[in-house]
Amino acid sequence: QVQLVESGGGLVQAGGSLRLSCATSGVIFSRYAMGWLRQAPGKERELVAAISSSGGITYYVDSVKGRFTISRDNAKNTVYLQMDSLKPEDTAVYYCASDRNAYGLLPQRVSQFLYWGQGTQVTVSS
């Protein structure tokens, strides 16, 4: 059974930082690209960042470039999202997810992810 469990969300003031973690089990973690996605109230779910299976290639949506950093530790089966210079518009539920295909191309669409965590709330106050 595949499980993805996010942690690290919370309430922070604008300009602050948070680090999200996603621990996985039930899948050979090192074979799959991973992503962080978010959904704000009334908005569609969007891909925030993705990282290749080896960690060597990353993708960021334009709105977070230079502020967020995705990383992974394949020995710990964990993916991270370091979020700095947070803005109120970053407020959302953040999900981690795994790619559909082992050793696939870096996913850049929501539909390319198969397994999802339960989400963690990030709230940025102004």
Protein backbone atom coordinates (compact mmCIF):
# COMPACT_ATOMS: atom_id res chain seq x y z
CA GLN A 1 0.00 0.00 0.00
CA VAL A 2 1.44 3.32 -1.10
CA GLN A 3 1.39 6.06 1.51
CA LEU A 4 2.55 9.66 1.32
CA VAL A 5 2.41 11.70 4.53
CA GLU A 6 3.04 15.44 4.52
CA SER A 7 4.10 17.49 7.50
CA GLY A 8 5.42 20.96 8.26
CA GLY A 9 2.52 23.17 7.34
CA GLY A 10 1.22 25.94 9.56
CA LEU A 11 0.61 29.65 10.00
CA VAL A 12 3.39 32.09 9.18
CA GLN A 13 3.66 35.81 8.57
CA ALA A 14 4.46 37.17 5.15
CA GLY A 15 8.19 37.03 4.53
CA GLY A 16 8.60 33.98 6.72
CA SER A 17 9.66 30.44 5.92
CA LEU A 18 8.32 26.92 6.22
CA ARG A 19 9.75 23.54 5.31
CA LEU A 20 7.38 20.83 4.18
CA SER A 21 8.30 17.16 4.32
CA CYS A 22 6.68 14.16 2.66
CA ALA A 23 7.55 10.68 3.86
CA THR A 24 6.66 7.85 1.52
CA SER A 25 6.23 4.10 1.86
CA GLY A 26 5.02 1.23 -0.28
CA VAL A 27 6.82 2.40 -3.40
CA ILE A 28 10.42 2.23 -4.56
CA PHE A 29 10.89 5.93 -3.92
CA SER A 30 14.14 6.35 -5.83
CA ARG A 31 12.49 5.32 -9.11
CA TYR A 32 9.87 8.04 -9.20
CA ALA A 33 9.82 11.74 -9.78
CA MET A 34 7.97 13.62 -7.07
CA GLY A 35 6.04 16.83 -6.93
CA TRP A 36 4.53 19.38 -4.61
CA LEU A 37 1.15 20.74 -5.64
CA ARG A 38 -1.21 23.17 -3.97
CA GLN A 39 -4.85 24.12 -4.03
CA ALA A 40 -6.21 27.40 -2.75
CA PRO A 41 -9.92 27.91 -1.99
CA GLY A 42 -11.88 28.36 -5.19
CA LYS A 43 -8.90 27.61 -7.40
CA GLU A 44 -7.69 24.63 -9.36
CA ARG A 45 -4.89 22.46 -8.07
CA GLU A 46 -1.55 23.58 -9.48
CA LEU A 47 1.89 22.06 -9.69
CA VAL A 48 4.33 24.11 -7.62
CA ALA A 49 7.55 22.13 -8.00
CA ALA A 50 8.77 18.77 -9.23
CA ILE A 51 12.00 16.82 -8.91
CA SER A 52 13.35 13.93 -10.94
CA SER A 53 13.95 10.50 -9.47
CA SER A 54 17.66 11.19 -8.97
CA GLY A 55 17.12 14.74 -7.81
CA GLY A 56 19.18 16.19 -10.60
CA ILE A 57 16.40 17.97 -12.45
CA THR A 58 13.80 20.30 -10.96
CA TYR A 59 10.84 22.33 -12.15
CA TYR A 60 9.17 25.35 -10.53
CA VAL A 61 6.08 27.30 -11.45
CA ASP A 62 7.02 30.89 -12.21
CA SER A 63 5.30 32.32 -9.14
CA VAL A 64 7.65 30.49 -6.73
CA LYS A 65 10.96 30.59 -8.62
CA GLY A 66 13.71 31.96 -6.42
CA ARG A 67 11.64 31.46 -3.25
CA PHE A 68 10.92 27.72 -3.06
CA THR A 69 13.36 24.81 -3.25
CA ILE A 70 12.41 21.20 -3.78
CA SER A 71 14.80 18.45 -2.71
CA ARG A 72 14.76 14.77 -1.89
CA ASP A 73 16.61 12.23 0.20
CA ASN A 74 16.28 8.83 -1.46
CA ALA A 75 17.85 7.10 1.54
CA LYS A 76 15.03 8.42 3.71
CA ASN A 77 12.26 8.10 1.11
CA THR A 78 11.41 11.73 1.72
CA VAL A 79 10.85 14.80 -0.43
CA TYR A 80 11.03 18.35 0.90
CA LEU A 81 9.81 21.79 -0.05
CA GLN A 82 11.67 24.72 1.49
CA MET A 83 9.50 27.82 1.21
CA ASP A 84 11.09 31.21 1.84
CA SER A 85 9.81 34.76 1.43
CA LEU A 86 6.27 33.50 1.74
CA LYS A 87 3.42 35.64 0.47
CA PRO A 88 -0.28 35.63 1.36
CA GLU A 89 -1.02 34.27 -2.13
CA ASP A 90 0.95 31.13 -1.20
CA THR A 91 -1.86 30.20 1.21
CA ALA A 92 -3.21 26.80 0.17
CA VAL A 93 -3.34 23.13 1.01
CA TYR A 94 -0.06 21.61 -0.16
CA TYR A 95 0.11 18.04 -1.41
CA CYS A 96 3.00 15.82 -2.33
CA ALA A 97 2.52 13.31 -5.10
CA SER A 98 4.43 10.69 -7.03
CA ASP A 99 4.78 10.35 -10.78
CA ARG A 100 2.79 7.68 -12.61
CA ASN A 101 5.83 6.22 -14.33
CA ALA A 102 9.13 4.99 -12.98
CA TYR A 103 12.09 6.88 -14.41
CA GLY A 104 9.68 9.02 -16.45
CA LEU A 105 10.23 12.50 -17.78
CA LEU A 106 9.87 15.22 -15.18
CA PRO A 107 6.13 15.67 -14.68
CA GLN A 108 4.81 19.16 -15.32
CA ARG A 109 1.05 18.57 -15.20
CA VAL A 110 -1.25 17.63 -12.36
CA SER A 111 -2.57 14.65 -14.32
CA GLN A 112 0.87 13.04 -14.42
CA PHE A 113 0.81 12.27 -10.71
CA LEU A 114 -0.70 9.03 -9.43
CA TYR A 115 -0.37 8.76 -5.65
CA TRP A 116 -1.16 11.69 -3.35
CA GLY A 117 -0.75 12.60 0.28
CA GLN A 118 -3.57 13.94 2.41
CA GLY A 119 -2.30 17.52 2.25
CA THR A 120 -1.03 20.04 4.77
CA GLN A 121 -2.39 23.55 5.26
CA VAL A 122 -0.10 26.52 4.74
CA THR A 123 -1.47 29.90 5.76
CA VAL A 124 0.47 33.11 5.20
CA SER A 125 -0.82 36.19 6.99
CA SER A 126 -0.21 39.70 5.72
